[in-house]
């Protein structure tokens, strides 16, 4: 594991690592990404513009996360706005 990899403070405590070093490495590696990056609609066709849309995001080779978004959410697909 590299020294720059973010580590949760609970794991740092369990492993006996200093908390100051953990917070420095976490603060250096955390950025505010765009909320809509990586999300794609589950279905290409939405029968009603402005209706809730199911979206998914690929986390790994065989791992996906999905949710439903409504208009106004930054992850809502722009093609489905009313």
PDB file of N, CA and C in Angstrom:
ATOM      1  N   UNK A   1       0.851  -1.175   0.000  1.00  0.00           N
ATOM      2  CA  UNK A   1       0.000   0.000   0.000  1.00  0.00           C
ATOM      3  C   UNK A   1       0.892   1.232   0.000  1.00  0.00           C
ATOM      4  N   UNK A   2       0.570   2.210  -0.837  1.00  0.00           N
ATOM      5  CA  UNK A   2       1.395   3.409  -0.920  1.00  0.00           C
ATOM      6  C   UNK A   2       1.072   4.369   0.211  1.00  0.00           C
ATOM      7  N   UNK A   3       1.991   5.277   0.469  1.00  0.00           N
ATOM      8  CA  UNK A   3       1.812   6.240   1.559  1.00  0.00           C
ATOM      9  C   UNK A   3       0.748   7.281   1.228  1.00  0.00           C
ATOM     10  N   UNK A   4       0.414   7.457  -0.066  1.00  0.00           N
ATOM     11  CA  UNK A   4      -0.562   8.469  -0.444  1.00  0.00           C
ATOM     12  C   UNK A   4      -1.979   7.922  -0.511  1.00  0.00           C
ATOM     13  N   UNK A   5      -2.175   6.629  -0.338  1.00  0.00           N
ATOM     14  CA  UNK A   5      -3.511   6.046  -0.399  1.00  0.00           C
ATOM     15  C   UNK A   5      -4.322   6.505   0.813  1.00  0.00           C
ATOM     16  N   UNK A   6      -5.567   6.972   0.582  1.00  0.00           N
ATOM     17  CA  UNK A   6      -6.378   7.412   1.714  1.00  0.00           C
ATOM     18  C   UNK A   6      -6.738   6.226   2.614  1.00  0.00           C
ATOM     19  N   UNK A   7      -6.661   6.451   3.909  1.00  0.00           N
ATOM     20  CA  UNK A   7      -6.954   5.407   4.875  1.00  0.00           C
ATOM     21  C   UNK A   7      -7.897   5.982   5.912  1.00  0.00           C
ATOM     22  N   UNK A   8      -8.963   5.274   6.188  1.00  0.00           N
ATOM     23  CA  UNK A   8      -9.936   5.743   7.178  1.00  0.00           C
ATOM     24  C   UNK A   8      -9.264   5.814   8.550  1.00  0.00           C
ATOM     25  N   UNK A   9      -9.586   6.864   9.350  1.00  0.00           N
ATOM     26  CA  UNK A   9      -8.960   7.005  10.671  1.00  0.00           C
ATOM     27  C   UNK A   9      -9.118   5.790  11.583  1.00  0.00           C
ATOM     28  N   UNK A  10     -10.230   5.056  11.456  1.00  0.00           N
ATOM     29  CA  UNK A  10     -10.422   3.859  12.279  1.00  0.00           C
ATOM     30  C   UNK A  10      -9.368   2.813  11.938  1.00  0.00           C
ATOM     31  N   UNK A  11      -9.094   2.645  10.637  1.00  0.00           N
ATOM     32  CA  UNK A  11      -8.069   1.690  10.231  1.00  0.00           C
ATOM     33  C   UNK A  11      -6.687   2.166  10.671  1.00  0.00           C
ATOM     34  N   UNK A  12      -6.453   3.470  10.597  1.00  0.00           N
ATOM     35  CA  UNK A  12      -5.176   4.007  11.049  1.00  0.00           C
ATOM     36  C   UNK A  12      -4.944   3.734  12.520  1.00  0.00           C
ATOM     37  N   UNK A  13      -5.990   3.906  13.312  1.00  0.00           N
ATOM     38  CA  UNK A  13      -5.883   3.636  14.753  1.00  0.00           C
ATOM     39  C   UNK A  13      -5.629   2.149  14.998  1.00  0.00           C
ATOM     40  N   UNK A  14      -6.349   1.277  14.257  1.00  0.00           N
ATOM     41  CA  UNK A  14      -6.177  -0.165  14.423  1.00  0.00           C
ATOM     42  C   UNK A  14      -4.784  -0.615  14.006  1.00  0.00           C
ATOM     43  N   UNK A  15      -4.197   0.069  13.014  1.00  0.00           N
ATOM     44  CA  UNK A  15      -2.870  -0.299  12.540  1.00  0.00           C
ATOM     45  C   UNK A  15      -1.758   0.426  13.281  1.00  0.00           C
ATOM     46  N   UNK A  16      -2.135   1.351  14.185  1.00  0.00           N
ATOM     47  CA  UNK A  16      -1.142   2.058  14.978  1.00  0.00           C
ATOM     48  C   UNK A  16      -0.450   3.187  14.239  1.00  0.00           C
ATOM     49  N   UNK A  17      -1.090   3.748  13.212  1.00  0.00           N
ATOM     50  CA  UNK A  17      -0.503   4.849  12.465  1.00  0.00           C
ATOM     51  C   UNK A  17      -0.881   6.180  13.100  1.00  0.00           C
ATOM     52  N   UNK A  18      -0.058   7.194  12.896  1.00  0.00           N
ATOM     53  CA  UNK A  18      -0.329   8.505  13.469  1.00  0.00           C
ATOM     54  C   UNK A  18      -1.505   9.157  12.760  1.00  0.00           C
ATOM     55  N   UNK A  19      -2.384   9.800  13.520  1.00  0.00           N
ATOM     56  CA  UNK A  19      -3.570  10.425  12.932  1.00  0.00           C
ATOM     57  C   UNK A  19      -3.213  11.662  12.133  1.00  0.00           C
ATOM     58  N   UNK A  20      -2.163  12.412  12.495  1.00  0.00           N
ATOM     59  CA  UNK A  20      -1.771  13.607  11.746  1.00  0.00           C
ATOM     60  C   UNK A  20      -1.322  13.231  10.340  1.00  0.00           C
ATOM     61  N   UNK A  21      -0.584  12.143  10.228  1.00  0.00           N
ATOM     62  CA  UNK A  21      -0.142  11.688   8.913  1.00  0.00           C
ATOM     63  C   UNK A  21      -1.324  11.223   8.082  1.00  0.00           C
ATOM     64  N   UNK A  22      -2.306  10.608   8.720  1.00  0.00           N
ATOM     65  CA  UNK A  22      -3.488  10.146   8.003  1.00  0.00           C
ATOM     66  C   UNK A  22      -4.300  11.312   7.481  1.00  0.00           C
ATOM     67  N   UNK A  23      -4.548  12.318   8.314  1.00  0.00           N
ATOM     68  CA  UNK A  23      -5.358  13.448   7.872  1.00  0.00           C
ATOM     69  C   UNK A  23      -4.653  14.234   6.788  1.00  0.00           C
ATOM     70  N   UNK A  24      -3.325  14.319   6.821  1.00  0.00           N
ATOM     71  CA  UNK A  24      -2.575  15.017   5.774  1.00  0.00           C
ATOM     72  C   UNK A  24      -2.701  14.276   4.455  1.00  0.00           C
ATOM     73  N   UNK A  25      -2.541  12.941   4.478  1.00  0.00           N
ATOM     74  CA  UNK A  25      -2.629  12.185   3.230  1.00  0.00           C
ATOM     75  C   UNK A  25      -4.056  12.168   2.695  1.00  0.00           C
ATOM     76  N   UNK A  26      -5.044  12.139   3.571  1.00  0.00           N
ATOM     77  CA  UNK A  26      -6.438  12.163   3.128  1.00  0.00           C
ATOM     78  C   UNK A  26      -6.778  13.516   2.532  1.00  0.00           C
ATOM     79  N   UNK A  27      -6.376  14.592   3.187  1.00  0.00           N
ATOM     80  CA  UNK A  27      -6.670  15.937   2.685  1.00  0.00           C
ATOM     81  C   UNK A  27      -5.989  16.182   1.347  1.00  0.00           C
ATOM     82  N   UNK A  28      -4.810  15.632   1.150  1.00  0.00           N
ATOM     83  CA  UNK A  28      -4.092  15.831  -0.100  1.00  0.00           C
ATOM     84  C   UNK A  28      -4.708  15.039  -1.244  1.00  0.00           C
ATOM     85  N   UNK A  29      -5.354  13.917  -0.949  1.00  0.00           N
ATOM     86  CA  UNK A  29      -5.875  13.065  -2.011  1.00  0.00           C
ATOM     87  C   UNK A  29      -7.350  13.287  -2.319  1.00  0.00           C
ATOM     88  N   UNK A  30      -8.057  14.029  -1.486  1.00  0.00           N
ATOM     89  CA  UNK A  30      -9.485  14.242  -1.697  1.00  0.00           C
ATOM     90  C   UNK A  30      -9.709  15.490  -2.525  1.00  0.00           C
ATOM     91  N   UNK A  31     -10.510  15.357  -3.561  1.00  0.00           N
ATOM     92  CA  UNK A  31     -10.903  16.510  -4.370  1.00  0.00           C
ATOM     93  C   UNK A  31     -12.403  16.452  -4.576  1.00  0.00           C
ATOM     94  N   UNK A  32     -12.970  17.531  -5.026  1.00  0.00           N
ATOM     95  CA  UNK A  32     -14.414  17.590  -5.249  1.00  0.00           C
ATOM     96  C   UNK A  32     -14.714  17.323  -6.725  1.00  0.00           C
ATOM     97  N   UNK A  33     -14.935  16.057  -7.100  1.00  0.00           N
ATOM     98  CA  UNK A  33     -15.224  15.762  -8.504  1.00  0.00           C
ATOM     99  C   UNK A  33     -16.640  16.173  -8.871  1.00  0.00           C
ATOM    100  N   UNK A  34     -16.878  16.293 -10.165  1.00  0.00           N
ATOM    101  CA  UNK A  34     -18.216  16.597 -10.656  1.00  0.00           C
ATOM    102  C   UNK A  34     -19.127  15.434 -10.301  1.00  0.00           C
ATOM    103  N   UNK A  35     -20.298  15.728  -9.760  1.00  0.00           N
ATOM    104  CA  UNK A  35     -21.213  14.686  -9.286  1.00  0.00           C
ATOM    105  C   UNK A  35     -21.732  13.799 -10.418  1.00  0.00           C
ATOM    106  N   UNK A  36     -21.767  14.314 -11.634  1.00  0.00           N
ATOM    107  CA  UNK A  36     -22.352  13.548 -12.730  1.00  0.00           C
ATOM    108  C   UNK A  36     -21.333  12.701 -13.488  1.00  0.00           C
ATOM    109  N   UNK A  37     -20.057  12.779 -13.157  1.00  0.00           N
ATOM    110  CA  UNK A  37     -19.020  12.045 -13.881  1.00  0.00           C
ATOM    111  C   UNK A  37     -19.179  10.545 -13.653  1.00  0.00           C
ATOM    112  N   UNK A  38     -19.223   9.798 -14.756  1.00  0.00           N
ATOM    113  CA  UNK A  38     -19.288   8.348 -14.675  1.00  0.00           C
ATOM    114  C   UNK A  38     -20.685   7.757 -14.630  1.00  0.00           C
ATOM    115  N   UNK A  39     -21.707   8.560 -14.404  1.00  0.00           N
ATOM    116  CA  UNK A  39     -23.076   8.063 -14.341  1.00  0.00           C
ATOM    117  C   UNK A  39     -23.668   8.021 -15.735  1.00  0.00           C
ATOM    118  N   UNK A  40     -24.417   6.964 -16.040  1.00  0.00           N
ATOM    119  CA  UNK A  40     -25.088   6.835 -17.332  1.00  0.00           C
ATOM    120  C   UNK A  40     -26.487   6.274 -17.119  1.00  0.00           C
ATOM    121  N   UNK A  41     -27.438   6.665 -17.980  1.00  0.00           N
ATOM    122  CA  UNK A  41     -28.806   6.144 -17.839  1.00  0.00           C
ATOM    123  C   UNK A  41     -28.841   4.631 -18.073  1.00  0.00           C
ATOM    124  N   UNK A  42     -29.687   3.956 -17.332  1.00  0.00           N
ATOM    125  CA  UNK A  42     -29.831   2.512 -17.498  1.00  0.00           C
ATOM    126  C   UNK A  42     -30.552   2.211 -18.798  1.00  0.00           C
ATOM    127  N   UNK A  43     -31.550   3.001 -19.115  1.00  0.00           N
ATOM    128  CA  UNK A  43     -32.304   2.837 -20.364  1.00  0.00           C
ATOM    129  C   UNK A  43     -32.088   4.062 -21.231  1.00  0.00           C
ATOM    130  N   UNK A  44     -31.899   3.844 -22.522  1.00  0.00           N
ATOM    131  CA  UNK A  44     -31.664   4.955 -23.446  1.00  0.00           C
ATOM    132  C   UNK A  44     -32.952   5.698 -23.765  1.00  0.00           C
ATOM    133  N   UNK A  45     -34.096   5.061 -23.579  1.00  0.00           N
ATOM    134  CA  UNK A  45     -35.374   5.675 -23.923  1.00  0.00           C
ATOM    135  C   UNK A  45     -36.138   5.995 -22.646  1.00  0.00           C
ATOM    136  N   UNK A  46     -36.526   7.241 -22.496  1.00  0.00           N
ATOM    137  CA  UNK A  46     -37.338   7.658 -21.355  1.00  0.00           C
ATOM    138  C   UNK A  46     -38.688   8.115 -21.917  1.00  0.00           C
ATOM    139  N   UNK A  47     -39.769   7.401 -21.616  1.00  0.00           N
ATOM    140  CA  UNK A  47     -41.062   7.743 -22.224  1.00  0.00           C
ATOM    141  C   UNK A  47     -41.593   9.116 -21.815  1.00  0.00           C
ATOM    142  N   UNK A  48     -41.258   9.606 -20.620  1.00  0.00           N
ATOM    143  CA  UNK A  48     -41.776  10.901 -20.173  1.00  0.00           C
ATOM    144  C   UNK A  48     -40.619  11.820 -19.790  1.00  0.00           C
ATOM    145  N   UNK A  49     -40.395  12.895 -20.520  1.00  0.00           N
ATOM    146  CA  UNK A  49     -39.351  13.845 -20.114  1.00  0.00           C
ATOM    147  C   UNK A  49     -39.666  14.421 -18.735  1.00  0.00           C
ATOM    148  N   UNK A  50     -38.658  14.531 -17.898  1.00  0.00           N
ATOM    149  CA  UNK A  50     -38.841  15.050 -16.551  1.00  0.00           C
ATOM    150  C   UNK A  50     -39.173  13.991 -15.521  1.00  0.00           C
ATOM    151  N   UNK A  51     -39.360  12.755 -15.944  1.00  0.00           N
ATOM    152  CA  UNK A  51     -39.665  11.658 -15.018  1.00  0.00           C
ATOM    153  C   UNK A  51     -38.386  11.171 -14.356  1.00  0.00           C
ATOM    154  N   UNK A  52     -38.494  10.475 -13.216  1.00  0.00           N
ATOM    155  CA  UNK A  52     -37.302   9.890 -12.594  1.00  0.00           C
ATOM    156  C   UNK A  52     -36.590   8.943 -13.559  1.00  0.00           C
ATOM    157  N   UNK A  53     -35.269   8.935 -13.504  1.00  0.00           N
ATOM    158  CA  UNK A  53     -34.456   8.122 -14.406  1.00  0.00           C
ATOM    159  C   UNK A  53     -33.532   7.225 -13.587  1.00  0.00           C
ATOM    160  N   UNK A  54     -33.458   5.954 -13.963  1.00  0.00           N
ATOM    161  CA  UNK A  54     -32.510   5.030 -13.332  1.00  0.00           C
ATOM    162  C   UNK A  54     -31.146   5.254 -13.977  1.00  0.00           C
ATOM    163  N   UNK A  55     -30.103   5.404 -13.138  1.00  0.00           N
ATOM    164  CA  UNK A  55     -28.750   5.597 -13.641  1.00  0.00           C
ATOM    165  C   UNK A  55     -27.824   4.584 -12.980  1.00  0.00           C
ATOM    166  N   UNK A  56     -26.669   4.353 -13.611  1.00  0.00           N
ATOM    167  CA  UNK A  56     -25.702   3.408 -13.062  1.00  0.00           C
ATOM    168  C   UNK A  56     -24.293   3.961 -13.260  1.00  0.00           C
ATOM    169  N   UNK A  57     -23.361   3.464 -12.428  1.00  0.00           N
ATOM    170  CA  UNK A  57     -21.964   3.873 -12.507  1.00  0.00           C
ATOM    171  C   UNK A  57     -21.102   2.641 -12.291  1.00  0.00           C
ATOM    172  N   UNK A  58     -20.101   2.466 -13.128  1.00  0.00           N
ATOM    173  CA  UNK A  58     -19.214   1.310 -13.020  1.00  0.00           C
ATOM    174  C   UNK A  58     -18.127   1.600 -11.992  1.00  0.00           C
ATOM    175  N   UNK A  59     -18.027   0.738 -10.976  1.00  0.00           N
ATOM    176  CA  UNK A  59     -17.028   0.892  -9.924  1.00  0.00           C
ATOM    177  C   UNK A  59     -15.833  -0.020 -10.123  1.00  0.00           C
ATOM    178  N   UNK A  60     -16.043  -1.130 -10.818  1.00  0.00           N
ATOM    179  CA  UNK A  60     -14.972  -2.091 -11.032  1.00  0.00           C
ATOM    180  C   UNK A  60     -15.301  -2.967 -12.219  1.00  0.00           C
ATOM    181  N   UNK A  61     -14.490  -3.991 -12.475  1.00  0.00           N
ATOM    182  CA  UNK A  61     -14.722  -4.853 -13.639  1.00  0.00           C
ATOM    183  C   UNK A  61     -16.114  -5.487 -13.678  1.00  0.00           C
ATOM    184  N   UNK A  62     -16.616  -5.919 -12.551  1.00  0.00           N
ATOM    185  CA  UNK A  62     -17.928  -6.553 -12.504  1.00  0.00           C
ATOM    186  C   UNK A  62     -18.775  -5.961 -11.387  1.00  0.00           C
ATOM    187  N   UNK A  63     -18.558  -4.684 -11.077  1.00  0.00           N
ATOM    188  CA  UNK A  63     -19.247  -4.044  -9.969  1.00  0.00           C
ATOM    189  C   UNK A  63     -19.862  -2.724 -10.417  1.00  0.00           C
ATOM    190  N   UNK A  64     -21.187  -2.630 -10.278  1.00  0.00           N
ATOM    191  CA  UNK A  64     -21.937  -1.434 -10.653  1.00  0.00           C
ATOM    192  C   UNK A  64     -22.733  -0.948  -9.453  1.00  0.00           C
ATOM    193  N   UNK A  65     -22.989   0.339  -9.403  1.00  0.00           N
ATOM    194  CA  UNK A  65     -23.884   0.923  -8.411  1.00  0.00           C
ATOM    195  C   UNK A  65     -24.983   1.616  -9.201  1.00  0.00           C
ATOM    196  N   UNK A  66     -26.203   1.560  -8.702  1.00  0.00           N
ATOM    197  CA  UNK A  66     -27.305   2.189  -9.421  1.00  0.00           C
ATOM    198  C   UNK A  66     -28.211   2.934  -8.449  1.00  0.00           C
ATOM    199  N   UNK A  67     -28.926   3.899  -8.976  1.00  0.00           N
ATOM    200  CA  UNK A  67     -29.858   4.691  -8.192  1.00  0.00           C
ATOM    201  C   UNK A  67     -30.863   5.325  -9.142  1.00  0.00           C
ATOM    202  N   UNK A  68     -31.841   5.979  -8.582  1.00  0.00           N
ATOM    203  CA  UNK A  68     -32.830   6.705  -9.369  1.00  0.00           C
ATOM    204  C   UNK A  68     -32.703   8.183  -9.041  1.00  0.00           C
ATOM    205  N   UNK A  69     -32.654   9.014 -10.077  1.00  0.00           N
ATOM    206  CA  UNK A  69     -32.533  10.454  -9.877  1.00  0.00           C
ATOM    207  C   UNK A  69     -33.747  11.168 -10.468  1.00  0.00           C
ATOM    208  N   UNK A  70     -34.039  12.316  -9.906  1.00  0.00           N
ATOM    209  CA  UNK A  70     -35.147  13.150 -10.360  1.00  0.00           C
ATOM    210  C   UNK A  70     -34.583  14.444 -10.949  1.00  0.00           C
ATOM    211  N   UNK A  71     -35.376  15.170 -11.733  1.00  0.00           N
ATOM    212  CA  UNK A  71     -34.904  16.446 -12.272  1.00  0.00           C
ATOM    213  C   UNK A  71     -34.423  17.359 -11.145  1.00  0.00           C
ATOM    214  N   UNK A  72     -33.337  18.069 -11.391  1.00  0.00           N
ATOM    215  CA  UNK A  72     -32.748  18.934 -10.379  1.00  0.00           C
ATOM    216  C   UNK A  72     -31.510  18.327  -9.753  1.00  0.00           C
ATOM    217  N   UNK A  73     -31.376  17.008  -9.801  1.00  0.00           N
ATOM    218  CA  UNK A  73     -30.183  16.331  -9.304  1.00  0.00           C
ATOM    219  C   UNK A  73     -29.070  16.540 -10.335  1.00  0.00           C
ATOM    220  N   UNK A  74     -27.837  16.856  -9.914  1.00  0.00           N
ATOM    221  CA  UNK A  74     -26.764  17.074 -10.893  1.00  0.00           C
ATOM    222  C   UNK A  74     -26.447  15.843 -11.743  1.00  0.00           C
ATOM    223  N   UNK A  75     -26.848  14.653 -11.292  1.00  0.00           N
ATOM    224  CA  UNK A  75     -26.604  13.433 -12.069  1.00  0.00           C
ATOM    225  C   UNK A  75     -27.713  13.158 -13.082  1.00  0.00           C
ATOM    226  N   UNK A  76     -28.795  13.958 -13.061  1.00  0.00           N
ATOM    227  CA  UNK A  76     -29.927  13.739 -13.977  1.00  0.00           C
ATOM    228  C   UNK A  76     -29.461  13.981 -15.415  1.00  0.00           C
ATOM    229  N   UNK A  77     -29.696  13.017 -16.334  1.00  0.00           N
ATOM    230  CA  UNK A  77     -29.235  13.172 -17.731  1.00  0.00           C
ATOM    231  C   UNK A  77     -29.890  14.376 -18.410  1.00  0.00           C
ATOM    232  N   UNK A  78     -29.079  15.197 -19.052  1.00  0.00           N
ATOM    233  CA  UNK A  78     -29.593  16.411 -19.695  1.00  0.00           C
ATOM    234  C   UNK A  78     -30.535  16.087 -20.855  1.00  0.00           C
ATOM    235  N   UNK A  79     -30.388  14.926 -21.478  1.00  0.00           N
ATOM    236  CA  UNK A  79     -31.257  14.543 -22.591  1.00  0.00           C
ATOM    237  C   UNK A  79     -32.696  14.279 -22.140  1.00  0.00           C
ATOM    238  N   UNK A  80     -32.925  14.089 -20.830  1.00  0.00           N
ATOM    239  CA  UNK A  80     -34.249  13.752 -20.336  1.00  0.00           C
ATOM    240  C   UNK A  80     -34.964  14.926 -19.672  1.00  0.00           C
ATOM    241  N   UNK A  81     -34.372  16.122 -19.740  1.00  0.00           N
ATOM    242  CA  UNK A  81     -35.051  17.291 -19.147  1.00  0.00           C
ATOM    243  C   UNK A  81     -36.287  17.632 -19.958  1.00  0.00           C
ATOM    244  N   UNK A  82     -37.301  18.136 -19.260  1.00  0.00           N
ATOM    245  CA  UNK A  82     -38.567  18.494 -19.922  1.00  0.00           C
ATOM    246  C   UNK A  82     -38.405  19.759 -20.721  1.00  0.00           C
TER     247      UNK A  82
END
